[in-house]
């Protein structure tokens, strides 16, 4: 047994994933009467993301269970001690990463969320899971909250906030990514500029698509 698969984390995640499955972001006014093309353009907007995610503040917008397990595996196998997460939401991915830190012997996870209600819910979930001591949630726009006071060496970066900002968030964190650090970008297909950057031969990354909705990249030395 480990922290991820034992109480209180396992039962909490079962409940949160069930709630996520029962939610329907498509029912939000943000998506009313929009075509798939319209939704794709909105997801890629660098100006409309605040309003979009505010309209989705009551939805978990969680990673899949498989992606959550992947995050735990990557953080555990890499013996991660310092992790940065862009996009806390209700903290489902945060729980997976914090569980890995616990099983690695401790560490620090800096997560970001600009919806105060979501940050508050994530903190409650982390407290229920007995993982709150490992996580700092910075409230506000990540372009500001991640612009300073980062660890000198970051082992893993998760990108799961506004997709259009993936290149900008990577640029903020890049100097602190240690050689061999991993970058996990969820739903990266909505950020073609990000994919072009990490897949470019001279960019300093080795990058591959993983499963159907994740881009997994490694920072080269």
Protein backbone atom coordinates (compact mmCIF):
# COMPACT_ATOMS: atom_id res chain seq x y z
CA UNK A 1 0.00 0.00 0.00
CA UNK A 2 1.03 3.62 -0.53
CA UNK A 3 -0.47 7.02 0.12
CA UNK A 4 -2.34 7.09 -3.21
CA UNK A 5 -4.08 3.74 -2.77
CA UNK A 6 -4.84 3.83 0.95
CA UNK A 7 -7.09 5.86 3.22
CA UNK A 8 -7.85 8.72 3.32
CA UNK A 9 -6.61 9.58 -0.20
CA UNK A 10 -8.08 6.64 -2.12
CA UNK A 11 -11.66 7.08 -0.88
CA UNK A 12 -11.50 10.85 -1.38
CA UNK A 13 -10.33 10.44 -4.97
CA UNK A 14 -13.10 7.91 -5.65
CA UNK A 15 -15.64 10.51 -4.53
CA UNK A 16 -14.04 13.38 -6.45
CA UNK A 17 -13.78 11.39 -9.68
CA UNK A 18 -17.42 10.33 -9.33
CA UNK A 19 -18.43 13.98 -8.88
CA UNK A 20 -16.38 14.92 -11.92
CA UNK A 21 -18.08 12.22 -14.00
CA UNK A 22 -21.48 13.53 -12.92
CA UNK A 23 -20.67 17.11 -13.91
CA UNK A 24 -21.29 18.43 -17.40
CA UNK A 25 -19.22 21.48 -18.40
CA UNK A 26 -21.07 21.50 -21.69
CA UNK A 27 -24.17 22.66 -19.81
CA UNK A 28 -22.42 25.87 -18.74
CA UNK A 29 -23.58 29.14 -20.35
CA UNK A 30 -19.97 29.48 -21.52
CA UNK A 31 -20.62 26.75 -24.08
CA UNK A 32 -24.26 27.40 -24.91
CA UNK A 33 -24.90 27.44 -28.67
CA UNK A 34 -21.19 27.09 -29.47
CA UNK A 35 -19.92 24.76 -32.18
CA UNK A 36 -16.91 22.50 -31.62
CA UNK A 37 -14.84 24.96 -33.65
CA UNK A 38 -16.04 27.84 -31.47
CA UNK A 39 -15.12 25.93 -28.31
CA UNK A 40 -11.68 25.15 -29.69
CA UNK A 41 -11.06 28.82 -30.51
CA UNK A 42 -12.26 29.88 -27.05
CA UNK A 43 -9.97 27.35 -25.37
CA UNK A 44 -7.02 28.76 -27.34
CA UNK A 45 -7.79 32.42 -26.62
CA UNK A 46 -5.13 34.39 -24.75
CA UNK A 47 -7.66 37.08 -23.80
CA UNK A 48 -10.88 35.22 -23.01
CA UNK A 49 -9.56 32.58 -20.63
CA UNK A 50 -10.45 34.49 -17.44
CA UNK A 51 -14.14 34.75 -18.34
CA UNK A 52 -14.23 31.18 -19.64
CA UNK A 53 -12.78 29.63 -16.50
CA UNK A 54 -14.86 31.89 -14.27
CA UNK A 55 -17.97 30.50 -15.95
CA UNK A 56 -16.63 27.00 -15.27
CA UNK A 57 -15.82 27.67 -11.61
CA UNK A 58 -18.32 25.09 -10.34
CA UNK A 59 -16.91 22.25 -12.45
CA UNK A 60 -13.95 20.09 -11.36
CA UNK A 61 -12.38 19.99 -14.87
CA UNK A 62 -10.27 17.14 -13.52
CA UNK A 63 -7.52 15.14 -15.13
CA UNK A 64 -8.57 11.63 -16.04
CA UNK A 65 -7.98 8.87 -13.52
CA UNK A 66 -5.30 7.48 -15.81
CA UNK A 67 -3.53 10.83 -16.04
CA UNK A 68 -3.69 11.16 -12.27
CA UNK A 69 -2.02 7.79 -11.86
CA UNK A 70 0.57 8.79 -14.46
CA UNK A 71 1.38 11.92 -12.45
CA UNK A 72 1.92 9.86 -9.31
CA UNK A 73 4.10 7.37 -11.18
CA UNK A 74 6.26 10.05 -12.77
CA UNK A 75 6.76 11.95 -9.54
CA UNK A 76 7.52 8.78 -7.57
CA UNK A 77 9.87 7.21 -10.12
CA UNK A 78 11.74 10.49 -10.52
CA UNK A 79 11.95 10.95 -6.73
CA UNK A 80 10.51 14.43 -7.17
CA UNK A 81 10.84 16.85 -4.27
CA UNK A 82 9.82 20.11 -5.97
CA UNK A 83 6.75 20.32 -8.21
CA UNK A 84 4.90 23.24 -9.82
CA UNK A 85 1.30 22.91 -10.99
CA UNK A 86 -0.53 25.37 -13.24
CA UNK A 87 -4.26 24.99 -12.58
CA UNK A 88 -5.35 23.58 -9.21
CA UNK A 89 -9.13 23.48 -9.76
CA UNK A 90 -10.55 21.23 -6.99
CA UNK A 91 -7.17 19.62 -6.41
CA UNK A 92 -7.54 16.18 -7.96
CA UNK A 93 -4.21 16.30 -9.80
CA UNK A 94 -2.75 18.08 -6.76
CA UNK A 95 -3.69 15.13 -4.56
CA UNK A 96 -1.87 12.69 -6.85
CA UNK A 97 1.27 14.81 -6.89
CA UNK A 98 1.21 15.48 -3.15
CA UNK A 99 0.75 11.75 -2.47
CA UNK A 100 3.90 11.10 -4.48
CA UNK A 101 5.80 13.71 -2.49
CA UNK A 102 4.64 12.08 0.75
CA UNK A 103 5.86 8.69 -0.44
CA UNK A 104 9.13 10.25 -1.62
CA UNK A 105 9.77 11.41 1.93
CA UNK A 106 8.45 14.96 1.59
CA UNK A 107 8.86 18.01 -0.61
CA UNK A 108 7.06 21.07 -1.86
CA UNK A 109 4.28 21.49 -4.40
CA UNK A 110 3.43 25.00 -5.59
CA UNK A 111 0.02 25.09 -7.28
CA UNK A 112 -1.86 28.01 -8.81
CA UNK A 113 -5.55 28.84 -9.08
CA UNK A 114 -7.22 32.18 -9.88
CA UNK A 115 -10.75 31.19 -8.75
CA UNK A 116 -10.86 31.70 -4.95
CA UNK A 117 -13.72 29.23 -4.48
CA UNK A 118 -11.79 26.50 -6.26
CA UNK A 119 -8.65 27.22 -4.24
CA UNK A 120 -10.69 26.97 -1.04
CA UNK A 121 -12.20 23.63 -2.12
CA UNK A 122 -8.77 22.30 -3.06
CA UNK A 123 -7.43 23.25 0.38
CA UNK A 124 -10.32 21.40 2.02
CA UNK A 125 -9.61 18.32 -0.08
CA UNK A 126 -5.91 18.43 0.78
CA UNK A 127 -6.74 18.74 4.47
CA UNK A 128 -9.10 15.75 4.24
CA UNK A 129 -6.28 13.78 2.59
CA UNK A 130 -3.72 14.85 5.26
CA UNK A 131 -1.54 16.31 2.50
CA UNK A 132 -1.99 20.04 3.08
CA UNK A 133 1.44 20.45 4.67
CA UNK A 134 3.10 19.65 1.32
CA UNK A 135 1.18 22.13 -0.84
CA UNK A 136 1.21 25.90 -1.30
CA UNK A 137 -1.71 27.18 -3.37
CA UNK A 138 -1.07 30.61 -4.86
CA UNK A 139 -4.28 32.45 -5.71
CA UNK A 140 -4.38 34.76 -8.71
CA UNK A 141 -3.27 34.80 -12.33
CA UNK A 142 -0.36 32.40 -12.72
CA UNK A 143 1.41 34.89 -14.97
CA UNK A 144 1.92 36.86 -11.75
CA UNK A 145 1.96 34.17 -9.06
CA UNK A 146 4.66 32.12 -10.81
CA UNK A 147 6.76 35.10 -11.82
CA UNK A 148 8.86 34.94 -8.64
CA UNK A 149 9.75 32.89 -5.55
CA UNK A 150 10.15 29.56 -7.31
CA UNK A 151 12.44 26.75 -6.11
CA UNK A 152 15.95 26.79 -7.56
CA UNK A 153 15.46 23.34 -9.09
CA UNK A 154 12.06 22.03 -10.18
CA UNK A 155 11.63 18.30 -10.77
CA UNK A 156 8.19 18.26 -12.40
CA UNK A 157 5.85 20.80 -13.98
CA UNK A 158 2.18 20.11 -14.62
CA UNK A 159 0.34 22.35 -17.09
CA UNK A 160 -3.42 22.02 -16.66
CA UNK A 161 -4.81 25.56 -16.58
CA UNK A 162 -5.76 27.87 -19.45
CA UNK A 163 -4.33 26.06 -22.47
CA UNK A 164 -3.43 29.22 -24.38
CA UNK A 165 -1.02 30.19 -21.60
CA UNK A 166 1.07 27.01 -21.69
CA UNK A 167 3.98 28.65 -23.57
CA UNK A 168 4.01 31.64 -21.21
CA UNK A 169 3.91 29.49 -18.07
CA UNK A 170 6.68 27.28 -19.39
CA UNK A 171 8.78 30.38 -20.05
CA UNK A 172 8.31 31.53 -16.45
CA UNK A 173 9.40 28.20 -14.98
CA UNK A 174 11.91 27.03 -17.58
CA UNK A 175 15.07 28.45 -15.98
CA UNK A 176 14.36 26.45 -12.81
CA UNK A 177 13.69 23.12 -14.54
CA UNK A 178 16.59 20.84 -13.69
CA UNK A 179 18.09 18.63 -16.41
CA UNK A 180 15.84 15.60 -16.64
CA UNK A 181 12.82 17.43 -15.22
CA UNK A 182 9.48 16.35 -16.64
CA UNK A 183 6.76 18.58 -18.04
CA UNK A 184 3.24 17.13 -18.29
CA UNK A 185 0.77 19.15 -20.38
CA UNK A 186 -2.86 18.03 -20.20
CA UNK A 187 -5.06 18.66 -23.26
CA UNK A 188 -2.03 20.11 -25.03
CA UNK A 189 -3.74 19.84 -28.43
CA UNK A 190 -5.50 23.08 -27.50
CA UNK A 191 -2.09 24.80 -27.38
CA UNK A 192 -0.40 24.32 -30.75
CA UNK A 193 2.18 27.01 -29.95
CA UNK A 194 3.22 25.03 -26.88
CA UNK A 195 3.49 21.79 -28.85
CA UNK A 196 5.58 23.48 -31.52
CA UNK A 197 7.92 24.80 -28.86
CA UNK A 198 8.60 21.60 -26.92
CA UNK A 199 8.79 19.48 -30.07
CA UNK A 200 11.28 21.75 -31.85
CA UNK A 201 14.67 19.98 -32.09
CA UNK A 202 16.59 22.97 -30.74
CA UNK A 203 14.21 23.78 -27.88
CA UNK A 204 15.97 21.69 -25.27
CA UNK A 205 13.23 19.11 -24.73
CA UNK A 206 12.51 15.54 -25.69
CA UNK A 207 8.75 15.40 -26.14
CA UNK A 208 6.15 12.80 -27.06
CA UNK A 209 2.35 12.61 -27.02
CA UNK A 210 1.16 10.23 -24.31
CA UNK A 211 -2.23 8.52 -24.46
CA UNK A 212 -4.84 10.70 -26.17
CA UNK A 213 -4.65 13.96 -24.23
CA UNK A 214 -1.20 14.43 -22.66
CA UNK A 215 2.13 15.73 -23.96
CA UNK A 216 5.08 14.41 -21.92
CA UNK A 217 8.34 16.29 -22.21
CA UNK A 218 11.74 16.00 -20.58
CA UNK A 219 14.08 18.94 -20.09
CA UNK A 220 17.45 18.06 -21.56
CA UNK A 221 20.70 19.01 -19.84
